[in-house]
């Protein structure tokens, strides 16, 4: 004679933890995208103007 048994497990989910984890992940992804965009702009400026003119322009912007 065989007897079937059924077990159930329950997992409690904290919605505050889950939503903040999701928001943190979205923030990290957006920060990475902004960083990549800034790096692409910097590389583009180095290619079009040249590194020496970039440094000269940086010091001119700082000192006036």
PDB file of N, CA and C in Angstrom:
ATOM      1  N   UNK A   1       0.828  -1.166   0.000  1.00  0.00           N
ATOM      2  CA  UNK A   1       0.000   0.000   0.000  1.00  0.00           C
ATOM      3  C   UNK A   1       0.887   1.248   0.000  1.00  0.00           C
ATOM      4  N   UNK A   2       0.604   2.188  -0.904  1.00  0.00           N
ATOM      5  CA  UNK A   2       1.356   3.427  -0.980  1.00  0.00           C
ATOM      6  C   UNK A   2       0.489   4.580  -0.495  1.00  0.00           C
ATOM      7  N   UNK A   3       1.165   5.508   0.094  1.00  0.00           N
ATOM      8  CA  UNK A   3       0.460   6.658   0.644  1.00  0.00           C
ATOM      9  C   UNK A   3       1.125   7.920   0.119  1.00  0.00           C
ATOM     10  N   UNK A   4       0.351   8.815  -0.453  1.00  0.00           N
ATOM     11  CA  UNK A   4       0.874  10.074  -0.977  1.00  0.00           C
ATOM     12  C   UNK A   4       0.804  11.152   0.103  1.00  0.00           C
ATOM     13  N   UNK A   5       1.883  11.887   0.204  1.00  0.00           N
ATOM     14  CA  UNK A   5       1.896  13.015   1.141  1.00  0.00           C
ATOM     15  C   UNK A   5       2.200  14.277   0.363  1.00  0.00           C
ATOM     16  N   UNK A   6       1.639  15.375   0.801  1.00  0.00           N
ATOM     17  CA  UNK A   6       1.840  16.651   0.129  1.00  0.00           C
ATOM     18  C   UNK A   6       2.353  17.651   1.155  1.00  0.00           C
ATOM     19  N   UNK A   7       3.463  18.289   0.792  1.00  0.00           N
ATOM     20  CA  UNK A   7       4.027  19.308   1.682  1.00  0.00           C
ATOM     21  C   UNK A   7       4.010  20.645   0.957  1.00  0.00           C
ATOM     22  N   UNK A   8       3.785  21.688   1.685  1.00  0.00           N
ATOM     23  CA  UNK A   8       3.794  23.028   1.108  1.00  0.00           C
ATOM     24  C   UNK A   8       4.812  23.874   1.854  1.00  0.00           C
ATOM     25  N   UNK A   9       5.468  24.747   1.111  1.00  0.00           N
ATOM     26  CA  UNK A   9       6.400  25.693   1.724  1.00  0.00           C
ATOM     27  C   UNK A   9       5.916  27.097   1.417  1.00  0.00           C
ATOM     28  N   UNK A  10       6.131  27.986   2.333  1.00  0.00           N
ATOM     29  CA  UNK A  10       5.690  29.354   2.163  1.00  0.00           C
ATOM     30  C   UNK A  10       6.890  30.268   2.342  1.00  0.00           C
ATOM     31  N   UNK A  11       7.024  31.214   1.431  1.00  0.00           N
ATOM     32  CA  UNK A  11       8.135  32.150   1.505  1.00  0.00           C
ATOM     33  C   UNK A  11       7.558  33.546   1.698  1.00  0.00           C
ATOM     34  N   UNK A  12       7.977  34.200   2.756  1.00  0.00           N
ATOM     35  CA  UNK A  12       7.525  35.562   3.018  1.00  0.00           C
ATOM     36  C   UNK A  12       8.397  36.528   2.227  1.00  0.00           C
ATOM     37  N   UNK A  13       7.754  37.456   1.556  1.00  0.00           N
ATOM     38  CA  UNK A  13       8.464  38.441   0.747  1.00  0.00           C
ATOM     39  C   UNK A  13       8.212  39.819   1.354  1.00  0.00           C
ATOM     40  N   UNK A  14       9.280  40.523   1.610  1.00  0.00           N
ATOM     41  CA  UNK A  14       9.179  41.881   2.127  1.00  0.00           C
ATOM     42  C   UNK A  14       9.186  42.840   0.945  1.00  0.00           C
ATOM     43  N   UNK A  15       8.066  43.513   0.696  1.00  0.00           N
ATOM     44  CA  UNK A  15       7.949  44.367  -0.488  1.00  0.00           C
ATOM     45  C   UNK A  15       8.877  45.574  -0.416  1.00  0.00           C
ATOM     46  N   UNK A  16       9.165  46.044   0.785  1.00  0.00           N
ATOM     47  CA  UNK A  16      10.093  47.168   0.919  1.00  0.00           C
ATOM     48  C   UNK A  16      11.489  46.805   0.479  1.00  0.00           C
ATOM     49  N   UNK A  17      11.942  45.639   0.881  1.00  0.00           N
ATOM     50  CA  UNK A  17      13.275  45.187   0.493  1.00  0.00           C
ATOM     51  C   UNK A  17      13.350  44.927  -1.000  1.00  0.00           C
ATOM     52  N   UNK A  18      12.319  44.307  -1.536  1.00  0.00           N
ATOM     53  CA  UNK A  18      12.320  43.994  -2.971  1.00  0.00           C
ATOM     54  C   UNK A  18      12.292  45.262  -3.813  1.00  0.00           C
ATOM     55  N   UNK A  19      11.477  46.235  -3.445  1.00  0.00           N
ATOM     56  CA  UNK A  19      11.382  47.455  -4.252  1.00  0.00           C
ATOM     57  C   UNK A  19      12.643  48.299  -4.138  1.00  0.00           C
ATOM     58  N   UNK A  20      13.249  48.367  -2.954  1.00  0.00           N
ATOM     59  CA  UNK A  20      14.490  49.137  -2.833  1.00  0.00           C
ATOM     60  C   UNK A  20      15.635  48.451  -3.560  1.00  0.00           C
ATOM     61  N   UNK A  21      15.637  47.133  -3.583  1.00  0.00           N
ATOM     62  CA  UNK A  21      16.660  46.410  -4.331  1.00  0.00           C
ATOM     63  C   UNK A  21      16.519  46.666  -5.828  1.00  0.00           C
ATOM     64  N   UNK A  22      15.281  46.689  -6.306  1.00  0.00           N
ATOM     65  CA  UNK A  22      15.039  46.991  -7.709  1.00  0.00           C
ATOM     66  C   UNK A  22      15.467  48.420  -8.050  1.00  0.00           C
ATOM     67  N   UNK A  23      15.117  49.376  -7.181  1.00  0.00           N
ATOM     68  CA  UNK A  23      15.480  50.777  -7.420  1.00  0.00           C
ATOM     69  C   UNK A  23      16.986  50.963  -7.424  1.00  0.00           C
ATOM     70  N   UNK A  24      17.680  50.267  -6.538  1.00  0.00           N
ATOM     71  CA  UNK A  24      19.136  50.345  -6.508  1.00  0.00           C
ATOM     72  C   UNK A  24      19.737  49.788  -7.789  1.00  0.00           C
ATOM     73  N   UNK A  25      19.195  48.698  -8.271  1.00  0.00           N
ATOM     74  CA  UNK A  25      19.674  48.121  -9.530  1.00  0.00           C
ATOM     75  C   UNK A  25      19.466  49.055 -10.706  1.00  0.00           C
ATOM     76  N   UNK A  26      18.300  49.692 -10.755  1.00  0.00           N
ATOM     77  CA  UNK A  26      18.028  50.658 -11.833  1.00  0.00           C
ATOM     78  C   UNK A  26      18.983  51.836 -11.735  1.00  0.00           C
ATOM     79  N   UNK A  27      19.240  52.315 -10.524  1.00  0.00           N
ATOM     80  CA  UNK A  27      20.171  53.425 -10.339  1.00  0.00           C
ATOM     81  C   UNK A  27      21.578  53.088 -10.777  1.00  0.00           C
ATOM     82  N   UNK A  28      22.014  51.889 -10.487  1.00  0.00           N
ATOM     83  CA  UNK A  28      23.360  51.468 -10.888  1.00  0.00           C
ATOM     84  C   UNK A  28      23.474  51.388 -12.407  1.00  0.00           C
ATOM     85  N   UNK A  29      22.434  50.851 -13.042  1.00  0.00           N
ATOM     86  CA  UNK A  29      22.449  50.747 -14.503  1.00  0.00           C
ATOM     87  C   UNK A  29      22.464  52.145 -15.135  1.00  0.00           C
ATOM     88  N   UNK A  30      21.651  53.059 -14.621  1.00  0.00           N
ATOM     89  CA  UNK A  30      21.628  54.417 -15.174  1.00  0.00           C
ATOM     90  C   UNK A  30      22.953  55.141 -14.945  1.00  0.00           C
ATOM     91  N   UNK A  31      23.567  54.944 -13.789  1.00  0.00           N
ATOM     92  CA  UNK A  31      24.865  55.567 -13.532  1.00  0.00           C
ATOM     93  C   UNK A  31      25.926  55.033 -14.480  1.00  0.00           C
ATOM     94  N   UNK A  32      25.879  53.744 -14.768  1.00  0.00           N
ATOM     95  CA  UNK A  32      26.833  53.161 -15.717  1.00  0.00           C
ATOM     96  C   UNK A  32      26.624  53.719 -17.120  1.00  0.00           C
ATOM     97  N   UNK A  33      25.357  53.903 -17.503  1.00  0.00           N
ATOM     98  CA  UNK A  33      25.084  54.459 -18.830  1.00  0.00           C
ATOM     99  C   UNK A  33      25.576  55.905 -18.938  1.00  0.00           C
ATOM    100  N   UNK A  34      25.386  56.703 -17.897  1.00  0.00           N
ATOM    101  CA  UNK A  34      25.873  58.083 -17.900  1.00  0.00           C
ATOM    102  C   UNK A  34      27.398  58.105 -17.960  1.00  0.00           C
ATOM    103  N   UNK A  35      28.044  57.223 -17.218  1.00  0.00           N
ATOM    104  CA  UNK A  35      29.506  57.149 -17.248  1.00  0.00           C
ATOM    105  C   UNK A  35      30.044  56.762 -18.615  1.00  0.00           C
ATOM    106  N   UNK A  36      29.389  55.799 -19.258  1.00  0.00           N
ATOM    107  CA  UNK A  36      29.816  55.402 -20.608  1.00  0.00           C
ATOM    108  C   UNK A  36      29.609  56.530 -21.603  1.00  0.00           C
ATOM    109  N   UNK A  37      28.505  57.263 -21.475  1.00  0.00           N
ATOM    110  CA  UNK A  37      28.242  58.395 -22.372  1.00  0.00           C
ATOM    111  C   UNK A  37      29.298  59.482 -22.171  1.00  0.00           C
ATOM    112  N   UNK A  38      29.644  59.777 -20.930  1.00  0.00           N
ATOM    113  CA  UNK A  38      30.681  60.773 -20.658  1.00  0.00           C
ATOM    114  C   UNK A  38      32.029  60.354 -21.201  1.00  0.00           C
ATOM    115  N   UNK A  39      32.347  59.076 -21.068  1.00  0.00           N
ATOM    116  CA  UNK A  39      33.616  58.580 -21.601  1.00  0.00           C
ATOM    117  C   UNK A  39      33.644  58.675 -23.126  1.00  0.00           C
ATOM    118  N   UNK A  40      32.517  58.364 -23.766  1.00  0.00           N
ATOM    119  CA  UNK A  40      32.442  58.467 -25.228  1.00  0.00           C
ATOM    120  C   UNK A  40      32.621  59.915 -25.671  1.00  0.00           C
ATOM    121  N   UNK A  41      32.045  60.857 -24.935  1.00  0.00           N
ATOM    122  CA  UNK A  41      32.209  62.279 -25.272  1.00  0.00           C
ATOM    123  C   UNK A  41      33.652  62.726 -25.094  1.00  0.00           C
ATOM    124  N   UNK A  42      34.297  62.256 -24.048  1.00  0.00           N
ATOM    125  CA  UNK A  42      35.693  62.616 -23.810  1.00  0.00           C
ATOM    126  C   UNK A  42      36.602  62.055 -24.903  1.00  0.00           C
ATOM    127  N   UNK A  43      36.386  60.825 -25.292  1.00  0.00           N
ATOM    128  CA  UNK A  43      37.180  60.219 -26.365  1.00  0.00           C
ATOM    129  C   UNK A  43      36.937  60.949 -27.679  1.00  0.00           C
ATOM    130  N   UNK A  44      35.698  61.319 -27.935  1.00  0.00           N
ATOM    131  CA  UNK A  44      35.379  62.058 -29.152  1.00  0.00           C
ATOM    132  C   UNK A  44      36.098  63.411 -29.187  1.00  0.00           C
ATOM    133  N   UNK A  45      36.146  64.085 -28.055  1.00  0.00           N
ATOM    134  CA  UNK A  45      36.847  65.372 -27.992  1.00  0.00           C
ATOM    135  C   UNK A  45      38.344  65.185 -28.185  1.00  0.00           C
ATOM    136  N   UNK A  46      38.915  64.129 -27.618  1.00  0.00           N
ATOM    137  CA  UNK A  46      40.338  63.866 -27.822  1.00  0.00           C
ATOM    138  C   UNK A  46      40.636  63.618 -29.293  1.00  0.00           C
ATOM    139  N   UNK A  47      39.746  62.923 -29.974  1.00  0.00           N
ATOM    140  CA  UNK A  47      39.973  62.612 -31.384  1.00  0.00           C
ATOM    141  C   UNK A  47      39.836  63.861 -32.248  1.00  0.00           C
ATOM    142  N   UNK A  48      38.820  64.673 -31.985  1.00  0.00           N
ATOM    143  CA  UNK A  48      38.558  65.814 -32.859  1.00  0.00           C
ATOM    144  C   UNK A  48      39.473  67.000 -32.576  1.00  0.00           C
ATOM    145  N   UNK A  49      39.828  67.258 -31.320  1.00  0.00           N
ATOM    146  CA  UNK A  49      40.612  68.443 -30.978  1.00  0.00           C
ATOM    147  C   UNK A  49      42.067  68.101 -30.706  1.00  0.00           C
ATOM    148  N   UNK A  50      42.309  66.983 -30.104  1.00  0.00           N
ATOM    149  CA  UNK A  50      43.669  66.598 -29.738  1.00  0.00           C
ATOM    150  C   UNK A  50      43.875  66.754 -28.243  1.00  0.00           C
ATOM    151  N   UNK A  51      44.769  65.941 -27.685  1.00  0.00           N
ATOM    152  CA  UNK A  51      44.956  65.966 -26.232  1.00  0.00           C
ATOM    153  C   UNK A  51      45.546  67.274 -25.703  1.00  0.00           C
ATOM    154  N   UNK A  52      46.465  67.884 -26.438  1.00  0.00           N
ATOM    155  CA  UNK A  52      47.080  69.121 -25.947  1.00  0.00           C
ATOM    156  C   UNK A  52      46.073  70.265 -25.922  1.00  0.00           C
ATOM    157  N   UNK A  53      45.259  70.370 -26.948  1.00  0.00           N
ATOM    158  CA  UNK A  53      44.234  71.413 -26.947  1.00  0.00           C
ATOM    159  C   UNK A  53      43.166  71.149 -25.888  1.00  0.00           C
ATOM    160  N   UNK A  54      42.925  69.880 -25.569  1.00  0.00           N
ATOM    161  CA  UNK A  54      41.974  69.563 -24.495  1.00  0.00           C
ATOM    162  C   UNK A  54      42.514  70.055 -23.154  1.00  0.00           C
ATOM    163  N   UNK A  55      43.792  69.824 -22.895  1.00  0.00           N
ATOM    164  CA  UNK A  55      44.395  70.272 -21.640  1.00  0.00           C
ATOM    165  C   UNK A  55      44.420  71.794 -21.597  1.00  0.00           C
ATOM    166  N   UNK A  56      44.752  72.413 -22.710  1.00  0.00           N
ATOM    167  CA  UNK A  56      44.779  73.885 -22.777  1.00  0.00           C
ATOM    168  C   UNK A  56      43.379  74.438 -22.528  1.00  0.00           C
ATOM    169  N   UNK A  57      42.371  73.859 -23.128  1.00  0.00           N
ATOM    170  CA  UNK A  57      40.999  74.305 -22.919  1.00  0.00           C
ATOM    171  C   UNK A  57      40.538  74.094 -21.490  1.00  0.00           C
ATOM    172  N   UNK A  58      40.987  72.998 -20.863  1.00  0.00           N
ATOM    173  CA  UNK A  58      40.633  72.737 -19.471  1.00  0.00           C
ATOM    174  C   UNK A  58      41.201  73.812 -18.549  1.00  0.00           C
ATOM    175  N   UNK A  59      42.483  74.130 -18.738  1.00  0.00           N
ATOM    176  CA  UNK A  59      43.094  75.164 -17.887  1.00  0.00           C
ATOM    177  C   UNK A  59      42.516  76.537 -18.187  1.00  0.00           C
ATOM    178  N   UNK A  60      42.169  76.808 -19.431  1.00  0.00           N
ATOM    179  CA  UNK A  60      41.535  78.094 -19.764  1.00  0.00           C
ATOM    180  C   UNK A  60      40.166  78.194 -19.095  1.00  0.00           C
ATOM    181  N   UNK A  61      39.429  77.110 -19.059  1.00  0.00           N
ATOM    182  CA  UNK A  61      38.122  77.119 -18.409  1.00  0.00           C
ATOM    183  C   UNK A  61      38.254  77.307 -16.898  1.00  0.00           C
ATOM    184  N   UNK A  62      39.295  76.716 -16.299  1.00  0.00           N
ATOM    185  CA  UNK A  62      39.480  76.862 -14.859  1.00  0.00           C
ATOM    186  C   UNK A  62      39.990  78.235 -14.454  1.00  0.00           C
ATOM    187  N   UNK A  63      40.960  78.744 -15.199  1.00  0.00           N
ATOM    188  CA  UNK A  63      41.610  79.993 -14.818  1.00  0.00           C
ATOM    189  C   UNK A  63      40.955  81.240 -15.422  1.00  0.00           C
ATOM    190  N   UNK A  64      40.249  81.073 -16.512  1.00  0.00           N
ATOM    191  CA  UNK A  64      39.540  82.210 -17.110  1.00  0.00           C
ATOM    192  C   UNK A  64      40.266  82.891 -18.204  1.00  0.00           C
TER     193      UNK A  64
END
